[in-house]
Every structure is written in C-alpha cells, then in structure tokens.
N, C-alpha and C. Protein backbone atom coordinates (compact mmCIF):
# COMPACT_ATOMS: atom_id res chain seq x y z
N MET A 1 122.06 101.02 121.89
CA MET A 1 121.43 101.22 123.42
C MET A 1 120.32 100.38 122.63
N VAL A 2 119.57 99.51 124.23
CA VAL A 2 118.37 99.00 124.18
C VAL A 2 116.24 99.53 123.95
N GLY A 3 116.34 98.93 122.64
CA GLY A 3 114.89 99.42 122.87
C GLY A 3 114.92 100.04 121.50
N LEU A 4 115.33 101.22 120.89
CA LEU A 4 116.01 102.13 120.15
C LEU A 4 115.73 100.59 118.71
N ARG A 5 114.87 101.65 117.64
CA ARG A 5 115.03 100.82 116.58
C ARG A 5 115.18 101.78 114.69
N ASP A 6 115.39 101.54 113.93
CA ASP A 6 116.19 102.30 113.12
C ASP A 6 115.66 100.72 111.31
N ARG A 7 115.66 101.81 111.01
CA ARG A 7 114.95 101.35 109.26
C ARG A 7 116.08 100.77 108.39
N ALA A 8 116.72 99.99 108.34
CA ALA A 8 118.05 99.18 107.79
C ALA A 8 117.78 98.75 106.32
N ASN A 9 116.61 98.38 106.11
CA ASN A 9 116.26 98.20 104.28
C ASN A 9 114.87 98.48 104.04
N GLU A 10 114.59 98.72 103.27
CA GLU A 10 113.51 98.51 102.57
C GLU A 10 113.53 98.05 101.09
N ALA A 11 112.47 96.67 100.25
CA ALA A 11 112.34 96.04 99.48
C ALA A 11 111.00 96.89 98.61
N ILE A 12 111.15 95.99 97.58
CA ILE A 12 110.22 96.05 96.70
C ILE A 12 109.70 94.77 96.02
N TYR A 13 108.68 94.02 96.05
CA TYR A 13 108.35 92.48 95.70
C TYR A 13 107.10 92.17 94.42
N THR A 14 107.75 91.48 94.08
CA THR A 14 107.02 91.30 92.41
C THR A 14 105.98 89.70 92.88
N PHE A 15 105.09 90.17 92.70
CA PHE A 15 104.70 88.06 92.68
C PHE A 15 104.08 88.54 90.88
N VAL A 16 104.05 86.81 90.98
CA VAL A 16 103.34 86.55 89.35
C VAL A 16 102.55 85.35 90.20
N ALA A 17 101.50 85.88 90.04
CA ALA A 17 100.13 83.98 89.51
C ALA A 17 100.62 82.79 88.56
N VAL A 18 101.09 81.89 88.98
CA VAL A 18 100.68 80.31 87.71
C VAL A 18 100.01 79.58 88.09
N ASP A 19 100.06 79.36 87.05
CA ASP A 19 98.45 78.21 87.06
C ASP A 19 99.45 76.72 87.67
N GLU A 20 98.85 75.52 87.15
CA GLU A 20 99.61 73.68 87.51
C GLU A 20 101.08 73.73 86.80
N THR A 21 101.04 74.52 85.61
CA THR A 21 102.79 73.92 84.75
C THR A 21 103.19 74.73 84.83
N GLY A 22 103.20 75.63 86.21
CA GLY A 22 103.99 77.17 86.21
C GLY A 22 103.58 77.96 85.28
N ARG A 23 103.43 78.02 84.32
CA ARG A 23 102.89 79.52 83.20
C ARG A 23 102.35 80.86 84.20
N PRO A 24 102.83 81.60 84.05
CA PRO A 24 102.05 82.90 84.25
C PRO A 24 100.58 83.00 83.97
N ILE A 25 99.55 83.13 84.91
CA ILE A 25 98.37 83.70 85.04
C ILE A 25 97.42 84.94 85.04
N GLN A 26 97.30 85.12 83.91
CA GLN A 26 96.06 86.85 85.05
C GLN A 26 95.44 86.90 85.93
N VAL A 27 95.31 88.21 86.60
CA VAL A 27 94.80 87.80 87.85
C VAL A 27 93.79 89.39 88.44
N PRO A 28 92.94 88.89 89.03
CA PRO A 28 91.77 90.31 89.40
C PRO A 28 92.93 91.36 89.24
N GLU A 29 92.66 92.56 88.39
CA GLU A 29 93.59 93.33 88.67
C GLU A 29 93.01 94.52 89.94
N ILE A 30 93.65 94.98 91.13
CA ILE A 30 93.63 95.67 92.49
C ILE A 30 93.00 97.04 92.56
N THR A 31 92.01 97.06 93.07
CA THR A 31 91.69 98.53 93.51
C THR A 31 92.68 99.37 94.59
N PRO A 32 93.44 100.35 94.25
CA PRO A 32 94.29 100.79 95.46
C PRO A 32 93.47 101.65 95.98
N GLU A 33 92.98 101.92 97.67
CA GLU A 33 91.82 102.71 98.24
C GLU A 33 92.23 103.73 99.64
N THR A 34 93.66 103.76 100.21
CA THR A 34 93.84 104.35 100.87
C THR A 34 95.13 105.33 99.78
N ASP A 35 95.41 106.86 100.51
CA ASP A 35 96.41 107.71 99.67
C ASP A 35 97.47 106.74 99.58
N LEU A 36 98.35 105.96 100.98
CA LEU A 36 99.12 105.46 100.24
C LEU A 36 99.50 103.84 99.80
N GLU A 37 98.11 103.89 99.56
CA GLU A 37 98.01 102.63 98.13
C GLU A 37 98.60 103.02 96.85
N LYS A 38 97.50 104.31 96.87
CA LYS A 38 97.82 105.11 95.64
C LYS A 38 98.31 105.06 95.13
N GLU A 39 99.99 106.22 95.89
CA GLU A 39 100.80 106.26 96.15
C GLU A 39 101.47 105.21 95.42
N ARG A 40 101.41 103.75 95.93
CA ARG A 40 102.10 102.87 95.77
C ARG A 40 102.30 102.24 94.34
N TYR A 41 100.50 102.60 94.42
CA TYR A 41 100.51 101.71 93.14
C TYR A 41 101.05 102.50 92.04
N ASP A 42 100.32 103.58 91.82
CA ASP A 42 101.24 104.77 90.79
C ASP A 42 102.75 104.54 90.89
N ALA A 43 103.99 104.87 91.37
CA ALA A 43 105.29 104.33 91.74
C ALA A 43 104.89 102.56 90.77
N ALA A 44 104.70 102.26 91.11
CA ALA A 44 104.38 100.27 90.55
C ALA A 44 104.63 100.58 89.86
N LEU A 45 103.60 101.42 88.71
CA LEU A 45 103.28 101.47 86.85
C LEU A 45 104.40 102.22 86.55
N ARG A 46 105.08 103.43 86.60
CA ARG A 46 106.77 103.69 86.32
C ARG A 46 107.30 102.95 86.51
N ARG A 47 107.30 102.67 87.58
CA ARG A 47 108.82 101.16 87.92
C ARG A 47 108.75 100.07 86.59
N LYS A 48 107.06 99.37 86.52
CA LYS A 48 107.15 98.69 85.70
C LYS A 48 107.37 99.26 83.74
N GLN A 49 106.32 100.42 83.28
CA GLN A 49 106.80 100.93 82.85
C GLN A 49 108.28 101.61 82.12
N LEU A 50 109.15 101.83 82.73
CA LEU A 50 110.48 102.29 83.33
C LEU A 50 111.39 100.48 83.03
N SER A 51 110.92 99.80 83.18
CA SER A 51 111.73 98.56 83.04
C SER A 51 111.52 98.01 81.23
N LEU A 52 110.05 97.78 81.08
CA LEU A 52 109.33 97.87 79.48
C LEU A 52 110.18 98.63 78.44
N VAL A 53 109.97 99.95 78.97
CA VAL A 53 111.04 101.01 77.76
C VAL A 53 112.78 100.42 77.84
N LEU A 54 113.39 99.89 78.95
CA LEU A 54 115.39 99.82 79.21
C LEU A 54 115.30 98.82 78.37
N ALA A 55 114.00 97.37 78.75
CA ALA A 55 114.26 96.49 77.81
C ALA A 55 114.37 96.42 77.15
N GLY A 56 113.27 97.58 75.71
CA GLY A 56 113.20 97.41 74.46
C GLY A 56 111.64 97.15 74.48
N LYS A 57 111.12 96.96 75.41
CA LYS A 57 109.67 96.34 74.88
C LYS A 57 108.42 97.35 75.06
N MET A 58 109.07 98.66 74.97
CA MET A 58 107.68 99.46 75.24
C MET A 58 108.81 100.84 74.60
N LYS A 59 108.08 101.53 73.84
CA LYS A 59 108.86 103.00 73.00
C LYS A 59 108.83 103.84 74.07
N PRO A 60 109.32 104.17 74.24
CA PRO A 60 109.44 105.68 75.45
C PRO A 60 108.41 106.58 75.07
N ASN A 61 107.72 107.14 73.71
CA ASN A 61 106.98 107.33 74.08
C ASN A 61 105.50 107.21 74.28
N GLU A 62 105.05 106.28 74.24
CA GLU A 62 104.34 105.11 74.63
C GLU A 62 104.27 105.03 76.61
N ALA A 63 104.74 105.32 77.19
CA ALA A 63 105.34 105.19 78.79
C ALA A 63 104.94 107.12 79.01
N THR A 64 103.41 106.29 79.56
CA THR A 64 102.56 108.01 79.77
C THR A 64 102.86 107.98 81.04
N GLU A 65 102.95 106.78 82.41
CA GLU A 65 103.60 107.68 82.85
C GLU A 65 104.51 107.94 83.67
N LEU A 66 105.34 107.90 82.72
CA LEU A 66 106.61 108.42 83.11
C LEU A 66 106.75 109.63 82.15
N LYS A 67 105.92 109.96 81.21
CA LYS A 67 105.85 111.09 80.84
C LYS A 67 105.17 112.36 81.47
N ALA A 68 103.99 111.62 82.22
CA ALA A 68 103.85 112.58 82.97
C ALA A 68 104.40 112.97 84.42
N LEU A 69 105.50 112.32 84.73
CA LEU A 69 106.12 112.82 85.71
C LEU A 69 106.76 114.44 84.87
N PHE A 70 107.11 114.94 83.32
CA PHE A 70 107.52 115.44 83.39
C PHE A 70 107.09 116.28 82.64
N GLN A 71 106.35 116.64 82.52
CA GLN A 71 105.26 117.89 82.39
C GLN A 71 104.86 118.44 83.26
C-alpha cells in the first residue's frame, strides 16, 4: 500500500574520536537530559560492560550496571 511505513531495522552505532595519527582520544563525557536519552545511555553502559566481561577485560563482579539488573 502506498504511504504506509513499517520499521524494518534499528541499529546502534559506536563512534570513536581519533587524533591526527588515527589513535583514539578522550572526549568530554555527555550528560543525557531527556528520559529517552537517559534510558539509552544506561543501556549503552550495560552493553559496554557486557562486552568487556565477555572479552575478559572486566571481571563479572566489577560490572556494576549489569549486576543492578539482577538485584
């Protein structure tokens, strides 16, 4: 039908700031303001911690955001 739209895909992107030589650099931390931004920010923290735990770069007991889901 003409004019109808359905969501077909959704994605989460991760951007990395780099210097002139292509090495990652620190950027100022963002402060989420709206409820949606806060929800997405918290979800991103959980995804990051899960990735670090699965990669063996963080101990599961240090993943505070993940632990909060199960308390």
